[in-house]
Amino acid sequence: MTKEEEQYYETYFDLFSSTGWKQFVGDSERNYNSFSIEQIKDSEHLAFVKGQRMVLENIIQFETMIRSAYDTIQEQADAT
């Protein structure tokens, strides 16, 4: 892994350990879970809700995706 790549991931790891990140993800999870099937009015609203949930899910899973990418790179480097 290059120094630039290492710095890239370290910057994210610093972010993930912050109180602000944990608060942001917690708020995103609450918003994600606040959508209710009963509140969907029509197909247009369904498409909107689906889009909102996809964005929120990407936020919620972002840390896991970054850590997985880092682990994969580390495993590949260790294998060589």
C-alpha atoms as a PDB file:
ATOM      1  CA  MET A   1       0.000   0.000   0.000  1.00  0.00           C
ATOM      2  CA  THR A   2       1.364   3.394  -0.921  1.00  0.00           C
ATOM      3  CA  LYS A   3       1.786   6.180   1.608  1.00  0.00           C
ATOM      4  CA  GLU A   4      -1.019   8.075  -0.131  1.00  0.00           C
ATOM      5  CA  GLU A   5      -3.369   5.102   0.185  1.00  0.00           C
ATOM      6  CA  GLU A   6      -2.400   4.633   3.817  1.00  0.00           C
ATOM      7  CA  GLN A   7      -3.125   8.318   4.518  1.00  0.00           C
ATOM      8  CA  TYR A   8      -6.438   8.020   2.665  1.00  0.00           C
ATOM      9  CA  TYR A   9      -7.608   5.222   4.957  1.00  0.00           C
ATOM     10  CA  GLU A  10      -6.136   6.745   8.119  1.00  0.00           C
ATOM     11  CA  THR A  11      -8.123   9.926   7.461  1.00  0.00           C
ATOM     12  CA  TYR A  12     -11.317   7.879   7.295  1.00  0.00           C
ATOM     13  CA  PHE A  13     -10.404   5.883  10.406  1.00  0.00           C
ATOM     14  CA  ASP A  14      -9.914   9.161  12.276  1.00  0.00           C
ATOM     15  CA  LEU A  15     -13.318  10.315  11.078  1.00  0.00           C
ATOM     16  CA  PHE A  16     -15.000   7.053  12.103  1.00  0.00           C
ATOM     17  CA  SER A  17     -13.677   7.366  15.660  1.00  0.00           C
ATOM     18  CA  SER A  18     -15.153  10.843  16.115  1.00  0.00           C
ATOM     19  CA  THR A  19     -18.268  11.601  18.123  1.00  0.00           C
ATOM     20  CA  GLY A  20     -19.652  13.576  15.196  1.00  0.00           C
ATOM     21  CA  TRP A  21     -19.460  10.571  12.861  1.00  0.00           C
ATOM     22  CA  LYS A  22     -21.203   8.332  15.382  1.00  0.00           C
ATOM     23  CA  GLN A  23     -23.917  10.969  15.840  1.00  0.00           C
ATOM     24  CA  PHE A  24     -24.338  11.354  12.062  1.00  0.00           C
ATOM     25  CA  VAL A  25     -24.660   7.600  11.519  1.00  0.00           C
ATOM     26  CA  GLY A  26     -27.082   7.297  14.443  1.00  0.00           C
ATOM     27  CA  ASP A  27     -29.263  10.058  13.005  1.00  0.00           C
ATOM     28  CA  SER A  28     -29.101   8.388   9.592  1.00  0.00           C
ATOM     29  CA  GLU A  29     -30.185   5.057  11.089  1.00  0.00           C
ATOM     30  CA  ARG A  30     -33.127   6.712  12.846  1.00  0.00           C
ATOM     31  CA  ASN A  31     -34.156   8.426   9.609  1.00  0.00           C
ATOM     32  CA  TYR A  32     -33.769   5.153   7.697  1.00  0.00           C
ATOM     33  CA  ASN A  33     -35.995   3.345  10.172  1.00  0.00           C
ATOM     34  CA  SER A  34     -38.584   6.121  10.301  1.00  0.00           C
ATOM     35  CA  PHE A  35     -40.007   5.326   6.873  1.00  0.00           C
ATOM     36  CA  SER A  36     -43.258   3.398   7.065  1.00  0.00           C
ATOM     37  CA  ILE A  37     -45.051   1.451   4.353  1.00  0.00           C
ATOM     38  CA  GLU A  38     -48.348   2.814   5.632  1.00  0.00           C
ATOM     39  CA  GLN A  39     -47.226   6.373   4.894  1.00  0.00           C
ATOM     40  CA  ILE A  40     -46.504   5.718   1.204  1.00  0.00           C
ATOM     41  CA  LYS A  41     -49.156   7.478  -0.852  1.00  0.00           C
ATOM     42  CA  ASP A  42     -48.452   6.435  -4.444  1.00  0.00           C
ATOM     43  CA  SER A  43     -45.790   5.057  -6.788  1.00  0.00           C
ATOM     44  CA  GLU A  44     -44.046   8.443  -7.017  1.00  0.00           C
ATOM     45  CA  HIS A  45     -43.767   8.648  -3.238  1.00  0.00           C
ATOM     46  CA  LEU A  46     -42.573   5.025  -3.159  1.00  0.00           C
ATOM     47  CA  ALA A  47     -39.767   5.877  -5.588  1.00  0.00           C
ATOM     48  CA  PHE A  48     -38.805   8.868  -3.415  1.00  0.00           C
ATOM     49  CA  VAL A  49     -38.752   6.780  -0.227  1.00  0.00           C
ATOM     50  CA  LYS A  50     -36.736   4.069  -1.959  1.00  0.00           C
ATOM     51  CA  GLY A  51     -34.162   6.655  -3.060  1.00  0.00           C
ATOM     52  CA  GLN A  52     -33.956   8.187   0.405  1.00  0.00           C
ATOM     53  CA  ARG A  53     -33.447   4.788   2.008  1.00  0.00           C
ATOM     54  CA  MET A  54     -30.727   3.888  -0.508  1.00  0.00           C
ATOM     55  CA  VAL A  55     -28.798   7.070   0.316  1.00  0.00           C
ATOM     56  CA  LEU A  56     -29.175   6.524   4.056  1.00  0.00           C
ATOM     57  CA  GLU A  57     -28.138   2.874   3.745  1.00  0.00           C
ATOM     58  CA  ASN A  58     -24.980   3.934   1.896  1.00  0.00           C
ATOM     59  CA  ILE A  59     -24.146   6.317   4.748  1.00  0.00           C
ATOM     60  CA  ILE A  60     -24.845   3.678   7.393  1.00  0.00           C
ATOM     61  CA  GLN A  61     -22.691   1.075   5.591  1.00  0.00           C
ATOM     62  CA  PHE A  62     -19.897   3.444   4.556  1.00  0.00           C
ATOM     63  CA  GLU A  63     -17.563   2.657   7.460  1.00  0.00           C
ATOM     64  CA  THR A  64     -17.968  -1.090   6.896  1.00  0.00           C
ATOM     65  CA  MET A  65     -17.218  -0.693   3.180  1.00  0.00           C
ATOM     66  CA  ILE A  66     -14.065   1.363   3.837  1.00  0.00           C
ATOM     67  CA  ARG A  67     -12.801  -1.065   6.495  1.00  0.00           C
ATOM     68  CA  SER A  68     -13.472  -4.042   4.206  1.00  0.00           C
ATOM     69  CA  ALA A  69     -11.573  -2.416   1.336  1.00  0.00           C
ATOM     70  CA  TYR A  70      -8.656  -1.671   3.665  1.00  0.00           C
ATOM     71  CA  ASP A  71      -8.626  -5.245   5.010  1.00  0.00           C
ATOM     72  CA  THR A  72      -8.673  -6.647   1.469  1.00  0.00           C
ATOM     73  CA  ILE A  73      -5.707  -4.487   0.468  1.00  0.00           C
ATOM     74  CA  GLN A  74      -3.841  -5.538   3.617  1.00  0.00           C
ATOM     75  CA  GLU A  75      -4.518  -9.229   2.953  1.00  0.00           C
ATOM     76  CA  GLN A  76      -3.315  -8.907  -0.621  1.00  0.00           C
ATOM     77  CA  ALA A  77      -0.158  -7.143   0.547  1.00  0.00           C
ATOM     78  CA  ASP A  78       0.486  -9.824   3.170  1.00  0.00           C
ATOM     79  CA  ALA A  79       0.035 -12.560   0.561  1.00  0.00           C
ATOM     80  CA  THR A  80       2.818 -11.161  -1.612  1.00  0.00           C
END
